[in-house]
Amino acid sequence: MLADHKIVKWIEDVALASDCKHRSEKPKEVGTLILASGQIPRGRGPAPEGTIPKGESLARVISRLKDVRTLVDGLAEQLDAVSACLNTLPHHVLGHFTPSEWLRFLHVHHIHHANIINDIVRKPA
């Protein structure tokens, strides 16, 4: 949720910028592999500071999730601009992603964490 908010807000701000035509940086090889395969290896990358939950209340989590949903919904009408934008934002391990690559990464990242949660829930006590 915290990473999603930061990334989607950046996409919203950058995808509307006037100079989105030139890509200055690229993902690292591992970043490209993750985007292509749709899978993140487990236990390999540390979460960056600022994205680690600090014990917020359920009400605050729900409020933040609604904020992220609003931001994502706002991108729906701007997908052509998002797709055309070549500006990049660095991932702390995987290199630089364009807005559309970031959206792909967020999708893969959500699946990664959903799989971890499912494994924890299914694990015998």
N, C-alpha and C. Protein backbone atom coordinates (compact mmCIF):
# COMPACT_ATOMS: atom_id res chain seq x y z
N MET A 1 0.82 -1.18 0.00
CA MET A 1 0.00 0.00 0.00
C MET A 1 0.88 1.26 0.00
N LEU A 2 1.90 1.26 0.84
CA LEU A 2 2.78 2.43 0.91
C LEU A 2 3.57 2.60 -0.38
N ALA A 3 4.11 1.51 -0.90
CA ALA A 3 4.85 1.58 -2.16
C ALA A 3 3.91 1.93 -3.30
N ASP A 4 2.73 1.33 -3.32
CA ASP A 4 1.75 1.61 -4.38
C ASP A 4 1.43 3.10 -4.43
N HIS A 5 1.20 3.69 -3.26
CA HIS A 5 0.83 5.12 -3.23
C HIS A 5 1.95 5.97 -3.82
N LYS A 6 3.18 5.72 -3.39
CA LYS A 6 4.32 6.50 -3.90
C LYS A 6 4.46 6.35 -5.41
N ILE A 7 4.38 5.13 -5.90
CA ILE A 7 4.60 4.86 -7.31
C ILE A 7 3.46 5.41 -8.17
N VAL A 8 2.23 5.16 -7.76
CA VAL A 8 1.10 5.62 -8.57
C VAL A 8 1.03 7.15 -8.57
N LYS A 9 1.37 7.78 -7.46
CA LYS A 9 1.41 9.25 -7.41
C LYS A 9 2.48 9.76 -8.36
N TRP A 10 3.65 9.11 -8.39
CA TRP A 10 4.71 9.51 -9.33
C TRP A 10 4.23 9.35 -10.76
N ILE A 11 3.58 8.24 -11.07
CA ILE A 11 3.07 8.01 -12.42
C ILE A 11 2.09 9.12 -12.80
N GLU A 12 1.19 9.43 -11.90
CA GLU A 12 0.20 10.48 -12.16
C GLU A 12 0.90 11.81 -12.46
N ASP A 13 1.90 12.15 -11.68
CA ASP A 13 2.61 13.42 -11.86
C ASP A 13 3.48 13.44 -13.11
N VAL A 14 4.20 12.34 -13.38
CA VAL A 14 5.16 12.30 -14.49
C VAL A 14 4.48 12.04 -15.83
N ALA A 15 3.46 11.19 -15.84
CA ALA A 15 2.81 10.83 -17.11
C ALA A 15 2.16 12.04 -17.77
N LEU A 16 1.89 13.05 -17.01
CA LEU A 16 1.29 14.26 -17.57
C LEU A 16 2.33 15.31 -17.90
N ALA A 17 3.60 15.05 -17.61
CA ALA A 17 4.66 16.01 -17.89
C ALA A 17 4.83 16.18 -19.40
N SER A 18 5.33 17.33 -19.79
CA SER A 18 5.45 17.61 -21.22
C SER A 18 6.60 16.87 -21.88
N ASP A 19 7.66 16.56 -21.14
CA ASP A 19 8.82 15.92 -21.75
C ASP A 19 8.92 14.46 -21.31
N CYS A 20 8.18 13.59 -21.99
CA CYS A 20 8.17 12.16 -21.66
C CYS A 20 8.70 11.32 -22.80
N LYS A 21 9.39 11.91 -23.74
CA LYS A 21 9.73 11.22 -24.97
C LYS A 21 11.09 10.52 -24.95
N HIS A 22 11.90 10.77 -23.92
CA HIS A 22 13.25 10.22 -23.93
C HIS A 22 13.52 9.41 -22.67
N ARG A 23 13.91 8.18 -22.88
CA ARG A 23 14.25 7.30 -21.76
C ARG A 23 15.73 7.47 -21.44
N SER A 24 16.03 7.85 -20.21
CA SER A 24 17.43 8.07 -19.84
C SER A 24 18.06 6.85 -19.17
N GLU A 25 17.27 6.04 -18.49
CA GLU A 25 17.78 4.88 -17.76
C GLU A 25 16.92 3.66 -18.06
N LYS A 26 17.48 2.49 -17.86
CA LYS A 26 16.76 1.23 -18.13
C LYS A 26 16.75 0.35 -16.89
N PRO A 27 15.87 -0.66 -16.89
CA PRO A 27 15.92 -1.63 -15.78
C PRO A 27 17.21 -2.44 -15.86
N LYS A 28 17.60 -2.97 -14.71
CA LYS A 28 18.71 -3.93 -14.71
C LYS A 28 18.18 -5.23 -15.30
N GLU A 29 19.08 -6.15 -15.63
CA GLU A 29 18.67 -7.41 -16.24
C GLU A 29 17.64 -8.14 -15.39
N VAL A 30 17.85 -8.16 -14.08
CA VAL A 30 16.90 -8.85 -13.20
C VAL A 30 15.53 -8.16 -13.23
N GLY A 31 15.52 -6.85 -13.36
CA GLY A 31 14.25 -6.13 -13.47
C GLY A 31 13.50 -6.49 -14.73
N THR A 32 14.22 -6.60 -15.83
CA THR A 32 13.63 -7.00 -17.09
C THR A 32 13.08 -8.42 -17.00
N LEU A 33 13.82 -9.31 -16.35
CA LEU A 33 13.37 -10.70 -16.19
C LEU A 33 12.10 -10.79 -15.34
N ILE A 34 12.02 -10.00 -14.30
CA ILE A 34 10.83 -10.00 -13.45
C ILE A 34 9.63 -9.48 -14.22
N LEU A 35 9.81 -8.40 -14.97
CA LEU A 35 8.69 -7.87 -15.76
C LEU A 35 8.23 -8.88 -16.80
N ALA A 36 9.18 -9.57 -17.44
CA ALA A 36 8.83 -10.53 -18.49
C ALA A 36 8.22 -11.81 -17.93
N SER A 37 8.76 -12.30 -16.83
CA SER A 37 8.29 -13.59 -16.29
C SER A 37 7.05 -13.45 -15.42
N GLY A 38 6.86 -12.27 -14.85
CA GLY A 38 5.74 -12.08 -13.94
C GLY A 38 5.97 -12.70 -12.57
N GLN A 39 7.23 -12.99 -12.23
CA GLN A 39 7.54 -13.62 -10.95
C GLN A 39 8.71 -12.93 -10.27
N ILE A 40 8.58 -12.79 -8.95
CA ILE A 40 9.64 -12.22 -8.14
C ILE A 40 10.20 -13.35 -7.26
N PRO A 41 11.51 -13.57 -7.29
CA PRO A 41 12.07 -14.60 -6.40
C PRO A 41 11.85 -14.21 -4.94
N ARG A 42 11.59 -15.20 -4.12
CA ARG A 42 11.34 -14.93 -2.70
C ARG A 42 12.63 -14.72 -1.92
N GLY A 43 12.52 -13.79 -0.95
CA GLY A 43 13.62 -13.59 -0.01
C GLY A 43 14.86 -12.96 -0.59
N ARG A 44 14.74 -12.28 -1.71
CA ARG A 44 15.93 -11.76 -2.40
C ARG A 44 16.11 -10.26 -2.23
N GLY A 45 15.01 -9.50 -2.19
CA GLY A 45 15.12 -8.04 -2.17
C GLY A 45 14.54 -7.44 -0.92
N PRO A 46 15.30 -6.58 -0.24
CA PRO A 46 14.78 -5.92 0.95
C PRO A 46 13.78 -4.82 0.57
N ALA A 47 12.79 -4.62 1.42
CA ALA A 47 11.85 -3.52 1.21
C ALA A 47 12.57 -2.20 1.50
N PRO A 48 12.35 -1.19 0.66
CA PRO A 48 12.99 0.10 0.93
C PRO A 48 12.37 0.79 2.13
N GLU A 49 13.16 1.58 2.82
CA GLU A 49 12.65 2.37 3.94
C GLU A 49 11.48 3.23 3.44
N GLY A 50 10.49 3.38 4.23
CA GLY A 50 9.31 4.16 3.82
C GLY A 50 8.20 3.29 3.27
N THR A 51 8.50 2.01 3.03
CA THR A 51 7.45 1.10 2.55
C THR A 51 7.20 -0.02 3.55
N ILE A 52 7.91 0.02 4.67
CA ILE A 52 7.73 -1.01 5.69
C ILE A 52 6.64 -0.54 6.66
N PRO A 53 5.59 -1.34 6.82
CA PRO A 53 4.50 -0.93 7.73
C PRO A 53 5.00 -0.74 9.15
N LYS A 54 4.40 0.21 9.83
CA LYS A 54 4.81 0.52 11.20
C LYS A 54 3.64 0.37 12.17
N GLY A 55 2.80 -0.65 11.97
CA GLY A 55 1.74 -0.95 12.91
C GLY A 55 0.60 0.05 12.93
N GLU A 56 0.10 0.39 11.76
CA GLU A 56 -1.01 1.34 11.69
C GLU A 56 -2.33 0.66 12.03
N SER A 57 -3.29 1.45 12.45
CA SER A 57 -4.61 0.93 12.78
C SER A 57 -5.31 0.45 11.51
N LEU A 58 -6.27 -0.45 11.70
CA LEU A 58 -7.05 -0.95 10.57
C LEU A 58 -7.75 0.20 9.85
N ALA A 59 -8.28 1.14 10.59
CA ALA A 59 -8.97 2.29 9.98
C ALA A 59 -8.02 3.08 9.08
N ARG A 60 -6.78 3.27 9.54
CA ARG A 60 -5.79 4.01 8.74
C ARG A 60 -5.40 3.22 7.50
N VAL A 61 -5.24 1.92 7.63
CA VAL A 61 -4.91 1.08 6.47
C VAL A 61 -6.03 1.15 5.44
N ILE A 62 -7.27 1.04 5.88
CA ILE A 62 -8.41 1.12 4.97
C ILE A 62 -8.44 2.48 4.28
N SER A 63 -8.19 3.54 5.02
CA SER A 63 -8.16 4.88 4.44
C SER A 63 -7.06 5.01 3.39
N ARG A 64 -5.88 4.49 3.68
CA ARG A 64 -4.77 4.55 2.72
C ARG A 64 -5.05 3.70 1.48
N LEU A 65 -5.67 2.55 1.67
CA LEU A 65 -6.04 1.72 0.52
C LEU A 65 -7.04 2.45 -0.37
N LYS A 66 -7.98 3.15 0.23
CA LYS A 66 -8.94 3.95 -0.55
C LYS A 66 -8.23 5.05 -1.32
N ASP A 67 -7.24 5.68 -0.69
CA ASP A 67 -6.46 6.72 -1.38
C ASP A 67 -5.75 6.14 -2.60
N VAL A 68 -5.13 4.97 -2.44
CA VAL A 68 -4.44 4.33 -3.56
C VAL A 68 -5.44 3.98 -4.65
N ARG A 69 -6.59 3.45 -4.27
CA ARG A 69 -7.62 3.09 -5.25
C ARG A 69 -8.06 4.31 -6.05
N THR A 70 -8.22 5.43 -5.38
CA THR A 70 -8.60 6.68 -6.06
C THR A 70 -7.53 7.09 -7.07
N LEU A 71 -6.26 7.00 -6.67
CA LEU A 71 -5.17 7.33 -7.58
C LEU A 71 -5.16 6.40 -8.80
N VAL A 72 -5.31 5.10 -8.55
CA VAL A 72 -5.31 4.13 -9.65
C VAL A 72 -6.49 4.37 -10.57
N ASP A 73 -7.66 4.60 -10.00
CA ASP A 73 -8.84 4.90 -10.82
C ASP A 73 -8.61 6.13 -11.69
N GLY A 74 -7.89 7.11 -11.16
CA GLY A 74 -7.60 8.32 -11.92
C GLY A 74 -6.69 8.08 -13.11
N LEU A 75 -5.90 7.03 -13.05
CA LEU A 75 -5.01 6.70 -14.18
C LEU A 75 -5.77 6.07 -15.34
N ALA A 76 -6.93 5.52 -15.07
CA ALA A 76 -7.68 4.78 -16.10
C ALA A 76 -7.93 5.63 -17.34
N GLU A 77 -8.17 6.92 -17.16
CA GLU A 77 -8.44 7.80 -18.30
C GLU A 77 -7.17 8.32 -18.95
N GLN A 78 -6.03 7.99 -18.39
CA GLN A 78 -4.76 8.53 -18.88
C GLN A 78 -3.80 7.43 -19.33
N LEU A 79 -4.32 6.26 -19.63
CA LEU A 79 -3.43 5.14 -19.96
C LEU A 79 -2.62 5.37 -21.23
N ASP A 80 -3.16 6.10 -22.20
CA ASP A 80 -2.37 6.41 -23.40
C ASP A 80 -1.15 7.25 -23.04
N ALA A 81 -1.35 8.25 -22.18
CA ALA A 81 -0.23 9.09 -21.73
C ALA A 81 0.76 8.28 -20.91
N VAL A 82 0.25 7.40 -20.07
CA VAL A 82 1.12 6.56 -19.25
C VAL A 82 1.96 5.65 -20.16
N SER A 83 1.33 5.05 -21.15
CA SER A 83 2.03 4.15 -22.07
C SER A 83 3.08 4.88 -22.90
N ALA A 84 2.80 6.10 -23.27
CA ALA A 84 3.71 6.87 -24.12
C ALA A 84 4.88 7.47 -23.36
N CYS A 85 4.75 7.59 -22.05
CA CYS A 85 5.77 8.26 -21.25
C CYS A 85 7.00 7.37 -21.06
N LEU A 86 8.17 7.91 -21.33
CA LEU A 86 9.42 7.17 -21.20
C LEU A 86 10.27 7.66 -20.03
N ASN A 87 9.77 8.60 -19.24
CA ASN A 87 10.49 9.00 -18.04
C ASN A 87 10.62 7.79 -17.12
N THR A 88 11.63 7.79 -16.29
CA THR A 88 11.83 6.64 -15.41
C THR A 88 11.97 7.06 -13.96
N LEU A 89 11.63 6.10 -13.10
CA LEU A 89 11.82 6.22 -11.66
C LEU A 89 12.58 4.97 -11.24
N PRO A 90 13.64 5.11 -10.45
CA PRO A 90 14.43 3.93 -10.10
C PRO A 90 13.76 3.07 -9.03
N HIS A 91 13.87 1.78 -9.21
CA HIS A 91 13.57 0.81 -8.16
C HIS A 91 14.89 0.61 -7.42
N HIS A 92 14.84 0.42 -6.12
CA HIS A 92 16.07 0.37 -5.32
C HIS A 92 16.96 -0.85 -5.63
N VAL A 93 16.41 -1.87 -6.31
CA VAL A 93 17.19 -3.05 -6.67
C VAL A 93 17.17 -3.33 -8.17
N LEU A 94 16.04 -3.07 -8.82
CA LEU A 94 15.80 -3.54 -10.18
C LEU A 94 16.11 -2.56 -11.30
N GLY A 95 16.52 -1.35 -10.96
CA GLY A 95 16.83 -0.37 -11.99
C GLY A 95 15.65 0.56 -12.26
N HIS A 96 15.70 1.25 -13.38
CA HIS A 96 14.72 2.30 -13.70
C HIS A 96 13.57 1.75 -14.53
N PHE A 97 12.35 2.09 -14.12
CA PHE A 97 11.14 1.68 -14.82
C PHE A 97 10.37 2.91 -15.32
N THR A 98 9.78 2.76 -16.51
CA THR A 98 8.85 3.77 -17.02
C THR A 98 7.52 3.62 -16.28
N PRO A 99 6.59 4.57 -16.43
CA PRO A 99 5.29 4.42 -15.78
C PRO A 99 4.58 3.11 -16.12
N SER A 100 4.58 2.71 -17.37
CA SER A 100 3.89 1.46 -17.72
C SER A 100 4.63 0.25 -17.14
N GLU A 101 5.95 0.30 -17.08
CA GLU A 101 6.70 -0.79 -16.44
C GLU A 101 6.41 -0.84 -14.94
N TRP A 102 6.26 0.32 -14.34
CA TRP A 102 5.91 0.35 -12.92
C TRP A 102 4.54 -0.28 -12.69
N LEU A 103 3.58 -0.01 -13.54
CA LEU A 103 2.26 -0.63 -13.38
C LEU A 103 2.36 -2.14 -13.51
N ARG A 104 3.15 -2.62 -14.44
CA ARG A 104 3.37 -4.06 -14.59
C ARG A 104 4.03 -4.61 -13.33
N PHE A 105 5.05 -3.91 -12.84
CA PHE A 105 5.74 -4.37 -11.64
C PHE A 105 4.79 -4.43 -10.45
N LEU A 106 3.95 -3.42 -10.28
CA LEU A 106 3.00 -3.43 -9.16
C LEU A 106 2.09 -4.65 -9.22
N HIS A 107 1.65 -4.99 -10.42
CA HIS A 107 0.80 -6.17 -10.58
C HIS A 107 1.56 -7.44 -10.16
N VAL A 108 2.78 -7.58 -10.64
CA VAL A 108 3.60 -8.74 -10.30
C VAL A 108 3.89 -8.75 -8.79
N HIS A 109 4.17 -7.60 -8.22
CA HIS A 109 4.46 -7.46 -6.80
C HIS A 109 3.26 -7.88 -5.95
N HIS A 110 2.06 -7.49 -6.37
CA HIS A 110 0.84 -7.87 -5.63
C HIS A 110 0.66 -9.39 -5.65
N ILE A 111 0.88 -10.00 -6.81
CA ILE A 111 0.76 -11.46 -6.90
C ILE A 111 1.79 -12.13 -6.00
N HIS A 112 3.01 -11.61 -6.00
CA HIS A 112 4.09 -12.13 -5.16
C HIS A 112 3.66 -12.15 -3.69
N HIS A 113 3.14 -11.03 -3.20
CA HIS A 113 2.73 -10.96 -1.80
C HIS A 113 1.47 -11.77 -1.52
N ALA A 114 0.56 -11.85 -2.46
CA ALA A 114 -0.63 -12.69 -2.28
C ALA A 114 -0.23 -14.15 -2.15
N ASN A 115 0.75 -14.59 -2.93
CA ASN A 115 1.24 -15.97 -2.83
C ASN A 115 1.88 -16.25 -1.46
N ILE A 116 2.63 -15.28 -0.96
CA ILE A 116 3.24 -15.43 0.37
C ILE A 116 2.15 -15.53 1.44
N ILE A 117 1.15 -14.67 1.36
CA ILE A 117 0.04 -14.70 2.32
C ILE A 117 -0.69 -16.05 2.24
N ASN A 118 -0.95 -16.51 1.04
CA ASN A 118 -1.63 -17.80 0.87
C ASN A 118 -0.82 -18.94 1.47
N ASP A 119 0.49 -18.92 1.29
CA ASP A 119 1.34 -19.98 1.88
C ASP A 119 1.30 -19.93 3.40
N ILE A 120 1.29 -18.74 3.97
CA ILE A 120 1.23 -18.61 5.43
C ILE A 120 -0.11 -19.13 5.95
N VAL A 121 -1.19 -18.78 5.28
CA VAL A 121 -2.52 -19.21 5.70
C VAL A 121 -2.66 -20.74 5.61
N ARG A 122 -2.08 -21.35 4.59
CA ARG A 122 -2.19 -22.80 4.38
C ARG A 122 -1.23 -23.60 5.25
N LYS A 123 -0.23 -22.96 5.84
CA LYS A 123 0.78 -23.68 6.62
C LYS A 123 0.14 -24.26 7.87
N PRO A 124 0.39 -25.54 8.13
CA PRO A 124 -0.17 -26.16 9.35
C PRO A 124 0.38 -25.48 10.61
N ALA A 125 -0.48 -25.37 11.60
CA ALA A 125 -0.09 -24.70 12.86
C ALA A 125 0.88 -25.53 13.67
